Amino acid sequence: MVKQVQKDFFYEIAAKFSEIFEDDSTEKAVKKAHLQNTPGKDAKITITDQRFTKSNIKVVGEEQYGGHRTKSDQGSTSQGKESGRVDV
């Protein structure tokens, strides 16, 4: 029986992106840079600061009998209560 857990790490990261814009004139290159909302795929990134905030560990799966469940092991077997009914 193999048990699997997943650990998620959460960090706050401050980063600097640098990107070069080229055009025929300085004004056109500045306009391209001004209209760019997000860094492009060729932008260089430098992480300037990082801070660990938290981590979580949770069970994500369990393999039994080669990953197959038996017919009787499928689904829920609890009957539960009927809520909201009152006998008078």
C-alpha atoms as a PDB file:
ATOM      1  CA  MET A   1       0.000   0.000   0.000  1.00  0.00           C
ATOM      2  CA  VAL A   2       1.520   3.312  -1.110  1.00  0.00           C
ATOM      3  CA  LYS A   3       0.417   6.509   0.583  1.00  0.00           C
ATOM      4  CA  GLN A   4       0.890   9.873  -1.114  1.00  0.00           C
ATOM      5  CA  VAL A   5       1.037  13.328   0.426  1.00  0.00           C
ATOM      6  CA  GLN A   6       1.453  16.730  -1.190  1.00  0.00           C
ATOM      7  CA  LYS A   7       3.313  19.638   0.380  1.00  0.00           C
ATOM      8  CA  ASP A   8       2.581  23.159  -0.867  1.00  0.00           C
ATOM      9  CA  PHE A   9       5.005  25.988  -0.097  1.00  0.00           C
ATOM     10  CA  PHE A  10       3.820  29.608  -0.053  1.00  0.00           C
ATOM     11  CA  TYR A  11       6.297  32.464  -0.542  1.00  0.00           C
ATOM     12  CA  GLU A  12       5.969  36.198  -1.025  1.00  0.00           C
ATOM     13  CA  ILE A  13       8.452  37.239  -3.676  1.00  0.00           C
ATOM     14  CA  ALA A  14       9.621  40.683  -4.796  1.00  0.00           C
ATOM     15  CA  ALA A  15      11.058  40.586  -8.298  1.00  0.00           C
ATOM     16  CA  LYS A  16      12.544  42.952 -10.865  1.00  0.00           C
ATOM     17  CA  PHE A  17      11.853  42.337 -14.571  1.00  0.00           C
ATOM     18  CA  SER A  18      14.092  43.909 -17.221  1.00  0.00           C
ATOM     19  CA  GLU A  19      13.177  44.010 -20.892  1.00  0.00           C
ATOM     20  CA  ILE A  20      14.728  45.730 -23.919  1.00  0.00           C
ATOM     21  CA  PHE A  21      12.451  47.535 -26.395  1.00  0.00           C
ATOM     22  CA  GLU A  22      13.730  48.473 -29.856  1.00  0.00           C
ATOM     23  CA  ASP A  23      12.259  50.614 -32.627  1.00  0.00           C
ATOM     24  CA  ASP A  24      13.278  53.191 -35.262  1.00  0.00           C
ATOM     25  CA  SER A  25      13.252  56.086 -32.795  1.00  0.00           C
ATOM     26  CA  THR A  26      13.551  56.552 -29.059  1.00  0.00           C
ATOM     27  CA  GLU A  27       9.989  57.887 -28.897  1.00  0.00           C
ATOM     28  CA  LYS A  28       8.563  54.745 -30.552  1.00  0.00           C
ATOM     29  CA  ALA A  29      10.582  52.457 -28.260  1.00  0.00           C
ATOM     30  CA  VAL A  30       9.370  54.407 -25.211  1.00  0.00           C
ATOM     31  CA  LYS A  31       5.774  54.117 -26.458  1.00  0.00           C
ATOM     32  CA  LYS A  32       6.162  50.326 -26.885  1.00  0.00           C
ATOM     33  CA  ALA A  33       7.556  50.048 -23.361  1.00  0.00           C
ATOM     34  CA  HIS A  34       4.757  52.228 -21.985  1.00  0.00           C
ATOM     35  CA  LEU A  35       2.025  50.123 -23.628  1.00  0.00           C
ATOM     36  CA  GLN A  36       3.505  46.823 -22.369  1.00  0.00           C
ATOM     37  CA  ASN A  37       1.375  45.673 -19.375  1.00  0.00           C
ATOM     38  CA  THR A  38       3.212  42.483 -18.420  1.00  0.00           C
ATOM     39  CA  PRO A  39       6.781  41.304 -18.932  1.00  0.00           C
ATOM     40  CA  GLY A  40       7.394  39.460 -22.186  1.00  0.00           C
ATOM     41  CA  LYS A  41       8.766  35.933 -22.456  1.00  0.00           C
ATOM     42  CA  ASP A  42      12.286  37.273 -23.114  1.00  0.00           C
ATOM     43  CA  ALA A  43      12.348  39.535 -20.039  1.00  0.00           C
ATOM     44  CA  LYS A  44      15.059  38.882 -17.463  1.00  0.00           C
ATOM     45  CA  ILE A  45      13.945  38.369 -13.868  1.00  0.00           C
ATOM     46  CA  THR A  46      15.876  39.075 -10.685  1.00  0.00           C
ATOM     47  CA  ILE A  47      14.386  38.029  -7.343  1.00  0.00           C
ATOM     48  CA  THR A  48      15.179  40.861  -4.956  1.00  0.00           C
ATOM     49  CA  ASP A  49      13.449  39.575  -1.812  1.00  0.00           C
ATOM     50  CA  GLN A  50      11.548  36.501  -0.677  1.00  0.00           C
ATOM     51  CA  ARG A  51       9.698  35.559   2.485  1.00  0.00           C
ATOM     52  CA  PHE A  52       8.334  32.168   3.481  1.00  0.00           C
ATOM     53  CA  THR A  53       4.721  32.520   4.659  1.00  0.00           C
ATOM     54  CA  LYS A  54       3.426  28.973   5.234  1.00  0.00           C
ATOM     55  CA  SER A  55       3.262  25.403   4.010  1.00  0.00           C
ATOM     56  CA  ASN A  56       0.506  22.793   3.951  1.00  0.00           C
ATOM     57  CA  ILE A  57       0.694  19.014   3.867  1.00  0.00           C
ATOM     58  CA  LYS A  58      -2.324  16.997   2.770  1.00  0.00           C
ATOM     59  CA  VAL A  59      -3.033  13.395   1.840  1.00  0.00           C
ATOM     60  CA  VAL A  60      -3.713  13.194  -1.901  1.00  0.00           C
ATOM     61  CA  GLY A  61      -4.067   9.496  -2.534  1.00  0.00           C
ATOM     62  CA  GLU A  62      -3.582   5.948  -1.515  1.00  0.00           C
ATOM     63  CA  GLU A  63      -3.008   2.981  -3.773  1.00  0.00           C
ATOM     64  CA  GLN A  64      -4.449  -0.332  -2.652  1.00  0.00           C
ATOM     65  CA  TYR A  65      -4.065  -3.620  -4.477  1.00  0.00           C
ATOM     66  CA  GLY A  66      -2.295  -2.049  -7.435  1.00  0.00           C
ATOM     67  CA  GLY A  67      -4.599   0.973  -7.521  1.00  0.00           C
ATOM     68  CA  HIS A  68      -7.839  -1.024  -7.942  1.00  0.00           C
ATOM     69  CA  ARG A  69     -10.664  -1.018  -5.405  1.00  0.00           C
ATOM     70  CA  THR A  70     -12.766  -4.081  -4.762  1.00  0.00           C
ATOM     71  CA  LYS A  71     -16.479  -4.072  -5.622  1.00  0.00           C
ATOM     72  CA  SER A  72     -17.480  -3.915  -1.939  1.00  0.00           C
ATOM     73  CA  ASP A  73     -14.983  -1.090  -1.252  1.00  0.00           C
ATOM     74  CA  GLN A  74     -16.544   1.392  -3.712  1.00  0.00           C
ATOM     75  CA  GLY A  75     -18.801   4.221  -2.583  1.00  0.00           C
ATOM     76  CA  SER A  76     -20.091   5.217   0.820  1.00  0.00           C
ATOM     77  CA  THR A  77     -21.608   2.692   3.209  1.00  0.00           C
ATOM     78  CA  SER A  78     -22.996   5.137   5.783  1.00  0.00           C
ATOM     79  CA  GLN A  79     -26.768   5.507   5.892  1.00  0.00           C
ATOM     80  CA  GLY A  80     -26.860   8.923   7.556  1.00  0.00           C
ATOM     81  CA  LYS A  81     -29.839  10.621   9.212  1.00  0.00           C
ATOM     82  CA  GLU A  82     -32.771  12.242   7.518  1.00  0.00           C
ATOM     83  CA  SER A  83     -32.498  15.833   8.639  1.00  0.00           C
ATOM     84  CA  GLY A  84     -35.406  18.188   9.085  1.00  0.00           C
ATOM     85  CA  ARG A  85     -38.026  15.507   9.891  1.00  0.00           C
ATOM     86  CA  VAL A  86     -39.932  15.646  13.146  1.00  0.00           C
ATOM     87  CA  ASP A  87     -42.365  12.955  14.309  1.00  0.00           C
ATOM     88  CA  VAL A  88     -45.454  14.424  15.976  1.00  0.00           C
END
